[in-house]
Amino acid sequence: MEKEALEQLKYPIGKFEVPKTISSSDLEGWIAVLEELPGKLSDLVSALSTDQLETPYRPGGWTVRQLVHHISDSHHNSYIRFKWALTENTPVIKPYNEKEWAELFDTRTAPVQMSLDHLKAVHAKLVFLIKGLSEEDLQRSFVHPDGNLQSTLKENIGRYAWHGTHHYTQIKNLIEREGW
C-alpha cells in the first residue's frame, strides 16, 4: 500500500493540533463531541458481526473490536488525568503502553458492549466534570513523561474529542469501504 494512502487510513481526520487560542466555541464543540461519542460509536458498531469486528481498519492495524476497547481504555485514562491535574500541582502522569493493552486477551476477545457501556459511563462523568470547571481549572495542567509535554485540561478536552472522532472515523471509513 502506498505510504500516503496508508497515512490517510491512519489519520482520516488529520493529526491533532492544539489551536493557538482555544475559543469558547472550540470548547463547546469539543464537549459536544465527547457527549455524543458513546452513542454514535454504539450506533456504528452494535450491529456488526463477529467477523466484521475482527476486521482491521487498515493493513497492519487494530481490529474494530480492539479500537472500541482502546477508545474506552484511553478515555478512562484521560478521565483519571483530569482528576490528577485538578487535585495535584502539575502532576507527571503515568503513561500506559496502548499497543500492549490492545494485545491483551480482553481487548482481543471481549464483547464490544462492555467497552461501549464503560465509555458511556466514563463520558457521562467526564462531561459532567468538564462542564463544572472554571477557566482557572481549565488552565490546570499535567505533564506527560514522553517528551515532557505539558498539557492544560482545556487542551486535553480537544485532544480527546479529536481522539474519539479519529477512531470513530477509522471504523466508519472501514464500514463504508466494505459496504457493510
N, C-alpha and C. Protein backbone atom coordinates (compact mmCIF):
# COMPACT_ATOMS: atom_id res chain seq x y z
N MET A 1 0.84 -1.17 0.00
CA MET A 1 0.00 0.00 0.00
C MET A 1 0.89 1.24 0.00
N GLU A 2 0.50 2.21 -0.77
CA GLU A 2 1.23 3.46 -0.88
C GLU A 2 1.28 4.18 0.47
N LYS A 3 2.41 4.81 0.76
CA LYS A 3 2.60 5.47 2.06
C LYS A 3 1.53 6.52 2.32
N GLU A 4 1.18 7.32 1.32
CA GLU A 4 0.17 8.37 1.50
C GLU A 4 -1.21 7.77 1.78
N ALA A 5 -1.54 6.69 1.07
CA ALA A 5 -2.84 6.03 1.29
C ALA A 5 -2.91 5.45 2.70
N LEU A 6 -1.81 4.83 3.15
CA LEU A 6 -1.76 4.27 4.49
C LEU A 6 -1.89 5.38 5.54
N GLU A 7 -1.22 6.49 5.31
CA GLU A 7 -1.31 7.63 6.24
C GLU A 7 -2.73 8.17 6.32
N GLN A 8 -3.44 8.18 5.18
CA GLN A 8 -4.83 8.64 5.16
C GLN A 8 -5.73 7.67 5.95
N LEU A 9 -5.44 6.36 5.87
CA LEU A 9 -6.21 5.39 6.65
C LEU A 9 -5.92 5.55 8.15
N LYS A 10 -4.64 5.84 8.48
CA LYS A 10 -4.26 6.01 9.89
C LYS A 10 -4.86 7.28 10.48
N TYR A 11 -4.82 8.36 9.71
CA TYR A 11 -5.25 9.67 10.22
C TYR A 11 -6.29 10.29 9.30
N PRO A 12 -7.49 9.71 9.26
CA PRO A 12 -8.50 10.18 8.31
C PRO A 12 -8.99 11.61 8.58
N ILE A 13 -8.79 12.11 9.79
CA ILE A 13 -9.18 13.50 10.09
C ILE A 13 -7.96 14.36 10.36
N GLY A 14 -6.77 13.84 10.04
CA GLY A 14 -5.53 14.56 10.32
C GLY A 14 -5.08 14.32 11.75
N LYS A 15 -3.90 14.84 12.06
CA LYS A 15 -3.36 14.72 13.41
C LYS A 15 -3.87 15.88 14.26
N PHE A 16 -3.94 15.66 15.55
CA PHE A 16 -4.43 16.70 16.45
C PHE A 16 -3.43 17.85 16.51
N GLU A 17 -3.95 19.05 16.39
CA GLU A 17 -3.14 20.26 16.56
C GLU A 17 -3.85 21.16 17.56
N VAL A 18 -3.11 21.58 18.57
CA VAL A 18 -3.68 22.47 19.58
C VAL A 18 -3.81 23.86 18.95
N PRO A 19 -5.01 24.42 18.97
CA PRO A 19 -5.16 25.78 18.45
C PRO A 19 -4.33 26.77 19.28
N LYS A 20 -3.83 27.82 18.64
CA LYS A 20 -3.05 28.83 19.37
C LYS A 20 -3.91 29.46 20.46
N THR A 21 -5.16 29.72 20.14
CA THR A 21 -6.13 30.23 21.10
C THR A 21 -7.33 29.31 21.08
N ILE A 22 -7.72 28.83 22.23
CA ILE A 22 -8.90 27.96 22.32
C ILE A 22 -10.09 28.84 22.70
N SER A 23 -11.02 28.95 21.78
CA SER A 23 -12.19 29.79 22.00
C SER A 23 -13.26 29.04 22.79
N SER A 24 -14.22 29.78 23.30
CA SER A 24 -15.35 29.14 23.99
C SER A 24 -16.13 28.28 23.00
N SER A 25 -16.14 28.68 21.74
CA SER A 25 -16.80 27.90 20.70
C SER A 25 -16.08 26.56 20.48
N ASP A 26 -14.74 26.60 20.46
CA ASP A 26 -13.96 25.36 20.36
C ASP A 26 -14.33 24.43 21.51
N LEU A 27 -14.31 24.98 22.71
CA LEU A 27 -14.57 24.20 23.91
C LEU A 27 -15.97 23.59 23.88
N GLU A 28 -16.97 24.39 23.52
CA GLU A 28 -18.34 23.89 23.45
C GLU A 28 -18.47 22.77 22.42
N GLY A 29 -17.80 22.94 21.28
CA GLY A 29 -17.84 21.91 20.24
C GLY A 29 -17.18 20.62 20.70
N TRP A 30 -16.04 20.74 21.37
CA TRP A 30 -15.34 19.55 21.86
C TRP A 30 -16.17 18.83 22.92
N ILE A 31 -16.79 19.58 23.81
CA ILE A 31 -17.62 18.96 24.84
C ILE A 31 -18.79 18.23 24.19
N ALA A 32 -19.38 18.83 23.16
CA ALA A 32 -20.49 18.17 22.45
C ALA A 32 -20.02 16.87 21.82
N VAL A 33 -18.82 16.87 21.25
CA VAL A 33 -18.27 15.64 20.66
C VAL A 33 -18.12 14.57 21.73
N LEU A 34 -17.58 14.94 22.88
CA LEU A 34 -17.40 13.97 23.97
C LEU A 34 -18.74 13.45 24.47
N GLU A 35 -19.72 14.31 24.50
CA GLU A 35 -21.05 13.93 24.97
C GLU A 35 -21.72 12.94 24.00
N GLU A 36 -21.50 13.15 22.72
CA GLU A 36 -22.18 12.36 21.69
C GLU A 36 -21.44 11.08 21.30
N LEU A 37 -20.15 11.02 21.55
CA LEU A 37 -19.34 9.89 21.07
C LEU A 37 -19.86 8.52 21.50
N PRO A 38 -20.17 8.29 22.78
CA PRO A 38 -20.61 6.94 23.15
C PRO A 38 -21.81 6.44 22.35
N GLY A 39 -22.81 7.28 22.17
CA GLY A 39 -23.99 6.89 21.41
C GLY A 39 -23.70 6.67 19.94
N LYS A 40 -22.90 7.57 19.37
CA LYS A 40 -22.55 7.43 17.95
C LYS A 40 -21.74 6.16 17.70
N LEU A 41 -20.78 5.89 18.59
CA LEU A 41 -19.96 4.69 18.43
C LEU A 41 -20.80 3.44 18.58
N SER A 42 -21.68 3.44 19.56
CA SER A 42 -22.57 2.30 19.75
C SER A 42 -23.43 2.06 18.52
N ASP A 43 -24.02 3.13 17.99
CA ASP A 43 -24.83 3.01 16.77
C ASP A 43 -24.01 2.46 15.60
N LEU A 44 -22.74 2.84 15.54
CA LEU A 44 -21.88 2.44 14.43
C LEU A 44 -21.51 0.96 14.48
N VAL A 45 -21.23 0.44 15.68
CA VAL A 45 -20.65 -0.92 15.75
C VAL A 45 -21.58 -2.00 16.29
N SER A 46 -22.69 -1.64 16.90
CA SER A 46 -23.52 -2.64 17.59
C SER A 46 -24.07 -3.73 16.68
N ALA A 47 -24.32 -3.41 15.42
CA ALA A 47 -24.90 -4.41 14.52
C ALA A 47 -23.83 -5.20 13.75
N LEU A 48 -22.55 -4.91 13.99
CA LEU A 48 -21.51 -5.62 13.26
C LEU A 48 -21.41 -7.08 13.71
N SER A 49 -21.11 -7.95 12.77
CA SER A 49 -20.94 -9.36 13.08
C SER A 49 -19.57 -9.60 13.73
N THR A 50 -19.39 -10.80 14.25
CA THR A 50 -18.10 -11.16 14.84
C THR A 50 -16.98 -11.02 13.81
N ASP A 51 -17.22 -11.49 12.58
CA ASP A 51 -16.20 -11.36 11.54
C ASP A 51 -15.88 -9.91 11.24
N GLN A 52 -16.90 -9.07 11.22
CA GLN A 52 -16.67 -7.65 10.96
C GLN A 52 -15.88 -7.01 12.10
N LEU A 53 -16.20 -7.38 13.33
CA LEU A 53 -15.46 -6.85 14.48
C LEU A 53 -14.00 -7.29 14.47
N GLU A 54 -13.71 -8.41 13.83
CA GLU A 54 -12.34 -8.93 13.75
C GLU A 54 -11.58 -8.38 12.55
N THR A 55 -12.16 -7.47 11.81
CA THR A 55 -11.52 -6.89 10.63
C THR A 55 -10.67 -5.69 11.03
N PRO A 56 -9.40 -5.67 10.62
CA PRO A 56 -8.56 -4.49 10.88
C PRO A 56 -9.06 -3.30 10.06
N TYR A 57 -8.99 -2.12 10.65
CA TYR A 57 -9.45 -0.93 9.94
C TYR A 57 -8.50 -0.53 8.81
N ARG A 58 -7.28 -1.06 8.84
CA ARG A 58 -6.28 -0.84 7.79
C ARG A 58 -5.29 -2.00 7.83
N PRO A 59 -4.51 -2.18 6.76
CA PRO A 59 -3.48 -3.23 6.80
C PRO A 59 -2.53 -3.00 7.97
N GLY A 60 -2.36 -4.04 8.79
CA GLY A 60 -1.46 -3.95 9.94
C GLY A 60 -2.05 -3.19 11.12
N GLY A 61 -3.30 -2.79 11.03
CA GLY A 61 -3.93 -2.01 12.10
C GLY A 61 -4.74 -2.88 13.04
N TRP A 62 -5.29 -2.24 14.05
CA TRP A 62 -6.13 -2.92 15.02
C TRP A 62 -7.46 -3.28 14.40
N THR A 63 -8.08 -4.31 14.96
CA THR A 63 -9.42 -4.69 14.53
C THR A 63 -10.43 -3.68 15.09
N VAL A 64 -11.64 -3.73 14.56
CA VAL A 64 -12.70 -2.87 15.09
C VAL A 64 -12.88 -3.13 16.58
N ARG A 65 -12.87 -4.39 16.98
CA ARG A 65 -13.00 -4.75 18.40
C ARG A 65 -11.90 -4.08 19.23
N GLN A 66 -10.67 -4.20 18.77
CA GLN A 66 -9.56 -3.58 19.51
C GLN A 66 -9.71 -2.06 19.58
N LEU A 67 -10.16 -1.45 18.50
CA LEU A 67 -10.37 0.00 18.50
C LEU A 67 -11.41 0.42 19.54
N VAL A 68 -12.52 -0.29 19.59
CA VAL A 68 -13.58 0.05 20.56
C VAL A 68 -13.04 -0.06 21.98
N HIS A 69 -12.34 -1.15 22.27
CA HIS A 69 -11.78 -1.33 23.61
C HIS A 69 -10.70 -0.28 23.89
N HIS A 70 -9.90 0.06 22.87
CA HIS A 70 -8.86 1.08 23.04
C HIS A 70 -9.47 2.44 23.38
N ILE A 71 -10.52 2.82 22.69
CA ILE A 71 -11.16 4.12 22.96
C ILE A 71 -11.60 4.17 24.43
N SER A 72 -12.24 3.11 24.88
CA SER A 72 -12.69 3.05 26.27
C SER A 72 -11.52 3.13 27.24
N ASP A 73 -10.48 2.34 27.01
CA ASP A 73 -9.30 2.36 27.88
C ASP A 73 -8.64 3.74 27.90
N SER A 74 -8.47 4.31 26.73
CA SER A 74 -7.78 5.59 26.61
C SER A 74 -8.56 6.70 27.30
N HIS A 75 -9.87 6.73 27.10
CA HIS A 75 -10.67 7.79 27.68
C HIS A 75 -10.84 7.61 29.20
N HIS A 76 -10.75 6.37 29.64
CA HIS A 76 -10.71 6.11 31.08
C HIS A 76 -9.44 6.74 31.67
N ASN A 77 -8.31 6.50 31.02
CA ASN A 77 -7.05 7.09 31.47
C ASN A 77 -7.11 8.60 31.44
N SER A 78 -7.74 9.17 30.41
CA SER A 78 -7.86 10.62 30.32
C SER A 78 -8.65 11.17 31.50
N TYR A 79 -9.74 10.52 31.86
CA TYR A 79 -10.55 10.95 32.99
C TYR A 79 -9.70 11.02 34.26
N ILE A 80 -8.89 10.00 34.48
CA ILE A 80 -8.00 9.96 35.65
C ILE A 80 -7.01 11.12 35.59
N ARG A 81 -6.50 11.42 34.40
CA ARG A 81 -5.55 12.52 34.25
C ARG A 81 -6.20 13.86 34.59
N PHE A 82 -7.46 14.03 34.24
CA PHE A 82 -8.19 15.24 34.63
C PHE A 82 -8.22 15.36 36.15
N LYS A 83 -8.55 14.25 36.81
CA LYS A 83 -8.64 14.26 38.27
C LYS A 83 -7.29 14.59 38.91
N TRP A 84 -6.22 13.99 38.37
CA TRP A 84 -4.89 14.29 38.90
C TRP A 84 -4.57 15.77 38.75
N ALA A 85 -4.82 16.32 37.57
CA ALA A 85 -4.48 17.73 37.32
C ALA A 85 -5.30 18.66 38.20
N LEU A 86 -6.50 18.25 38.56
CA LEU A 86 -7.35 19.09 39.41
C LEU A 86 -7.00 18.99 40.89
N THR A 87 -6.29 17.93 41.27
CA THR A 87 -6.01 17.72 42.69
C THR A 87 -4.53 17.74 43.04
N GLU A 88 -3.67 17.84 42.04
CA GLU A 88 -2.23 17.89 42.28
C GLU A 88 -1.64 19.05 41.46
N ASN A 89 -0.49 19.50 41.86
CA ASN A 89 0.16 20.62 41.18
C ASN A 89 1.00 20.13 40.00
N THR A 90 0.47 20.25 38.80
CA THR A 90 1.13 19.84 37.55
C THR A 90 1.76 18.46 37.68
N PRO A 91 0.93 17.44 37.93
CA PRO A 91 1.48 16.10 38.11
C PRO A 91 2.09 15.53 36.83
N VAL A 92 3.07 14.69 37.01
CA VAL A 92 3.59 13.88 35.91
C VAL A 92 2.70 12.64 35.89
N ILE A 93 2.02 12.44 34.78
CA ILE A 93 1.07 11.33 34.70
C ILE A 93 1.79 10.01 34.42
N LYS A 94 1.10 8.93 34.67
CA LYS A 94 1.61 7.60 34.34
C LYS A 94 1.10 7.24 32.95
N PRO A 95 2.00 7.11 31.99
CA PRO A 95 1.55 6.66 30.67
C PRO A 95 1.25 5.17 30.70
N TYR A 96 0.61 4.69 29.65
CA TYR A 96 0.37 3.26 29.54
C TYR A 96 0.73 2.83 28.12
N ASN A 97 1.08 1.57 27.97
CA ASN A 97 1.51 1.06 26.68
C ASN A 97 0.28 0.61 25.90
N GLU A 98 -0.30 1.54 25.14
CA GLU A 98 -1.56 1.25 24.45
C GLU A 98 -1.44 0.10 23.47
N LYS A 99 -0.29 -0.07 22.83
CA LYS A 99 -0.12 -1.18 21.89
C LYS A 99 -0.18 -2.52 22.62
N GLU A 100 0.45 -2.58 23.78
CA GLU A 100 0.41 -3.82 24.57
C GLU A 100 -0.99 -4.05 25.13
N TRP A 101 -1.67 -2.98 25.57
CA TRP A 101 -3.03 -3.13 26.07
C TRP A 101 -3.92 -3.69 24.97
N ALA A 102 -3.71 -3.25 23.73
CA ALA A 102 -4.55 -3.69 22.61
C ALA A 102 -4.35 -5.18 22.30
N GLU A 103 -3.25 -5.74 22.76
CA GLU A 103 -2.97 -7.16 22.52
C GLU A 103 -3.41 -8.05 23.69
N LEU A 104 -3.87 -7.46 24.77
CA LEU A 104 -4.32 -8.26 25.90
C LEU A 104 -5.57 -9.06 25.54
N PHE A 105 -5.76 -10.16 26.24
CA PHE A 105 -6.86 -11.08 25.98
C PHE A 105 -8.22 -10.37 25.92
N ASP A 106 -8.48 -9.51 26.91
CA ASP A 106 -9.79 -8.86 26.94
C ASP A 106 -10.00 -7.95 25.74
N THR A 107 -8.98 -7.23 25.34
CA THR A 107 -9.11 -6.30 24.21
C THR A 107 -9.31 -7.05 22.90
N ARG A 108 -8.72 -8.22 22.79
CA ARG A 108 -8.84 -9.01 21.56
C ARG A 108 -10.12 -9.84 21.50
N THR A 109 -10.76 -10.11 22.67
CA THR A 109 -11.87 -11.07 22.64
C THR A 109 -13.16 -10.63 23.33
N ALA A 110 -13.10 -9.67 24.21
CA ALA A 110 -14.30 -9.31 24.99
C ALA A 110 -15.38 -8.71 24.08
N PRO A 111 -16.63 -8.89 24.45
CA PRO A 111 -17.71 -8.25 23.69
C PRO A 111 -17.52 -6.73 23.70
N VAL A 112 -17.74 -6.10 22.56
CA VAL A 112 -17.57 -4.64 22.49
C VAL A 112 -18.57 -3.92 23.38
N GLN A 113 -19.70 -4.56 23.68
CA GLN A 113 -20.71 -3.90 24.52
C GLN A 113 -20.14 -3.53 25.88
N MET A 114 -19.20 -4.31 26.38
CA MET A 114 -18.58 -3.98 27.66
C MET A 114 -17.92 -2.61 27.60
N SER A 115 -17.15 -2.37 26.55
CA SER A 115 -16.46 -1.08 26.43
C SER A 115 -17.41 0.03 26.01
N LEU A 116 -18.45 -0.30 25.25
CA LEU A 116 -19.44 0.73 24.91
C LEU A 116 -20.15 1.22 26.18
N ASP A 117 -20.50 0.29 27.06
CA ASP A 117 -21.13 0.66 28.33
C ASP A 117 -20.16 1.46 29.20
N HIS A 118 -18.92 1.02 29.25
CA HIS A 118 -17.90 1.71 30.04
C HIS A 118 -17.67 3.12 29.51
N LEU A 119 -17.56 3.24 28.20
CA LEU A 119 -17.34 4.55 27.58
C LEU A 119 -18.51 5.50 27.88
N LYS A 120 -19.72 4.97 27.84
CA LYS A 120 -20.89 5.79 28.15
C LYS A 120 -20.79 6.34 29.57
N ALA A 121 -20.41 5.49 30.52
CA ALA A 121 -20.29 5.92 31.91
C ALA A 121 -19.13 6.90 32.10
N VAL A 122 -17.98 6.58 31.52
CA VAL A 122 -16.81 7.46 31.66
C VAL A 122 -17.10 8.83 31.05
N HIS A 123 -17.72 8.85 29.89
CA HIS A 123 -18.01 10.13 29.25
C HIS A 123 -19.06 10.92 30.02
N ALA A 124 -20.04 10.25 30.59
CA ALA A 124 -21.03 10.96 31.40
C ALA A 124 -20.33 11.65 32.57
N LYS A 125 -19.43 10.94 33.23
CA LYS A 125 -18.69 11.52 34.35
C LYS A 125 -17.74 12.62 33.87
N LEU A 126 -17.03 12.37 32.77
CA LEU A 126 -16.07 13.34 32.26
C LEU A 126 -16.77 14.64 31.83
N VAL A 127 -17.84 14.52 31.08
CA VAL A 127 -18.56 15.71 30.62
C VAL A 127 -19.15 16.48 31.79
N PHE A 128 -19.71 15.76 32.76
CA PHE A 128 -20.24 16.43 33.96
C PHE A 128 -19.14 17.21 34.65
N LEU A 129 -17.98 16.59 34.80
CA LEU A 129 -16.83 17.24 35.43
C LEU A 129 -16.40 18.47 34.64
N ILE A 130 -16.21 18.31 33.34
CA ILE A 130 -15.73 19.41 32.49
C ILE A 130 -16.68 20.59 32.54
N LYS A 131 -17.97 20.33 32.48
CA LYS A 131 -18.95 21.43 32.47
C LYS A 131 -18.93 22.23 33.77
N GLY A 132 -18.40 21.64 34.83
CA GLY A 132 -18.33 22.34 36.11
C GLY A 132 -17.01 23.05 36.36
N LEU A 133 -16.08 22.99 35.40
CA LEU A 133 -14.77 23.59 35.60
C LEU A 133 -14.78 25.09 35.32
N SER A 134 -14.05 25.82 36.12
CA SER A 134 -13.86 27.26 35.90
C SER A 134 -12.74 27.45 34.87
N GLU A 135 -12.59 28.67 34.41
CA GLU A 135 -11.48 28.98 33.48
C GLU A 135 -10.15 28.68 34.16
N GLU A 136 -10.07 28.98 35.44
CA GLU A 136 -8.84 28.69 36.18
C GLU A 136 -8.57 27.18 36.22
N ASP A 137 -9.63 26.39 36.45
CA ASP A 137 -9.49 24.92 36.44
C ASP A 137 -9.00 24.43 35.08
N LEU A 138 -9.57 25.00 34.02
CA LEU A 138 -9.22 24.58 32.66
C LEU A 138 -7.75 24.85 32.32
N GLN A 139 -7.13 25.76 33.05
CA GLN A 139 -5.71 26.08 32.82
C GLN A 139 -4.78 25.18 33.63
N ARG A 140 -5.34 24.38 34.53
CA ARG A 140 -4.50 23.44 35.27
C ARG A 140 -3.92 22.44 34.26
N SER A 141 -2.80 21.86 34.59
CA SER A 141 -2.14 21.01 33.61
C SER A 141 -1.48 19.80 34.26
N PHE A 142 -1.07 18.90 33.38
CA PHE A 142 -0.28 17.74 33.78
C PHE A 142 0.85 17.61 32.78
N VAL A 143 1.83 16.79 33.12
CA VAL A 143 2.98 16.56 32.25
C VAL A 143 2.98 15.11 31.83
N HIS A 144 3.06 14.89 30.53
CA HIS A 144 3.22 13.53 30.01
C HIS A 144 4.71 13.27 29.91
N PRO A 145 5.22 12.20 30.54
CA PRO A 145 6.67 11.98 30.56
C PRO A 145 7.28 11.69 29.19
N ASP A 146 6.49 11.22 28.24
CA ASP A 146 7.02 11.01 26.89
C ASP A 146 7.17 12.37 26.24
N GLY A 147 8.39 12.87 26.21
CA GLY A 147 8.66 14.17 25.62
C GLY A 147 8.46 15.32 26.60
N ASN A 148 8.15 14.99 27.86
CA ASN A 148 7.95 16.02 28.88
C ASN A 148 6.94 17.08 28.44
N LEU A 149 5.87 16.62 27.80
CA LEU A 149 4.85 17.51 27.24
C LEU A 149 3.86 17.93 28.32
N GLN A 150 3.76 19.25 28.54
CA GLN A 150 2.77 19.79 29.48
C GLN A 150 1.50 20.11 28.71
N SER A 151 0.37 19.70 29.26
CA SER A 151 -0.92 19.89 28.61
C SER A 151 -1.92 20.46 29.60
N THR A 152 -2.62 21.52 29.20
CA THR A 152 -3.69 22.04 30.05
C THR A 152 -4.92 21.15 29.88
N LEU A 153 -5.81 21.24 30.85
CA LEU A 153 -7.06 20.48 30.74
C LEU A 153 -7.87 20.96 29.54
N LYS A 154 -7.82 22.25 29.26
CA LYS A 154 -8.54 22.78 28.10
C LYS A 154 -8.02 22.12 26.82
N GLU A 155 -6.70 22.00 26.68
CA GLU A 155 -6.12 21.33 25.52
C GLU A 155 -6.51 19.86 25.48
N ASN A 156 -6.55 19.25 26.66
CA ASN A 156 -6.85 17.83 26.73
C ASN A 156 -8.29 17.53 26.33
N ILE A 157 -9.20 18.46 26.57
CA ILE A 157 -10.57 18.28 26.11
C ILE A 157 -10.57 18.16 24.58
N GLY A 158 -9.84 19.05 23.93
CA GLY A 158 -9.72 18.99 22.47
C GLY A 158 -9.04 17.73 21.98
N ARG A 159 -8.00 17.34 22.68
CA ARG A 159 -7.24 16.14 22.29
C ARG A 159 -8.14 14.90 22.33
N TYR A 160 -8.99 14.79 23.35
CA TYR A 160 -9.83 13.59 23.45
C TYR A 160 -11.07 13.67 22.59
N ALA A 161 -11.53 14.87 22.28
CA ALA A 161 -12.60 15.00 21.28
C ALA A 161 -12.03 14.53 19.93
N TRP A 162 -10.80 14.96 19.62
CA TRP A 162 -10.14 14.52 18.39
C TRP A 162 -9.93 13.01 18.42
N HIS A 163 -9.44 12.49 19.54
CA HIS A 163 -9.11 11.06 19.64
C HIS A 163 -10.33 10.18 19.36
N GLY A 164 -11.44 10.51 19.99
CA GLY A 164 -12.65 9.72 19.76
C GLY A 164 -13.11 9.81 18.32
N THR A 165 -13.09 11.01 17.76
CA THR A 165 -13.51 11.22 16.37
C THR A 165 -12.56 10.51 15.42
N HIS A 166 -11.28 10.56 15.71
CA HIS A 166 -10.24 9.90 14.91
C HIS A 166 -10.53 8.40 14.77
N HIS A 167 -10.75 7.72 15.88
CA HIS A 167 -11.01 6.28 15.82
C HIS A 167 -12.41 5.96 15.29
N TYR A 168 -13.38 6.78 15.63
CA TYR A 168 -14.73 6.61 15.09
C TYR A 168 -14.67 6.66 13.56
N THR A 169 -13.93 7.61 13.03
CA THR A 169 -13.83 7.78 11.58
C THR A 169 -13.08 6.62 10.94
N GLN A 170 -12.08 6.07 11.61
CA GLN A 170 -11.39 4.89 11.09
C GLN A 170 -12.38 3.75 10.90
N ILE A 171 -13.23 3.54 11.89
CA ILE A 171 -14.22 2.46 11.81
C ILE A 171 -15.27 2.77 10.75
N LYS A 172 -15.77 3.98 10.76
CA LYS A 172 -16.79 4.40 9.79
C LYS A 172 -16.27 4.24 8.36
N ASN A 173 -15.03 4.65 8.11
CA ASN A 173 -14.45 4.53 6.77
C ASN A 173 -14.32 3.06 6.36
N LEU A 174 -13.94 2.19 7.30
CA LEU A 174 -13.86 0.75 7.01
C LEU A 174 -15.23 0.23 6.62
N ILE A 175 -16.24 0.57 7.39
CA ILE A 175 -17.61 0.12 7.10
C ILE A 175 -18.04 0.57 5.72
N GLU A 176 -17.73 1.80 5.38
CA GLU A 176 -18.09 2.33 4.04
C GLU A 176 -17.31 1.62 2.94
N ARG A 177 -16.00 1.41 3.14
CA ARG A 177 -15.18 0.72 2.13
C ARG A 177 -15.67 -0.70 1.88
N GLU A 178 -16.08 -1.37 2.98
CA GLU A 178 -16.51 -2.77 2.88
C GLU A 178 -17.98 -2.89 2.46
N GLY A 179 -18.71 -1.80 2.50
CA GLY A 179 -20.13 -1.84 2.13
C GLY A 179 -21.00 -2.57 3.14
N TRP A 180 -20.63 -2.48 4.42
CA TRP A 180 -21.39 -3.18 5.46
C TRP A 180 -22.65 -2.43 5.83
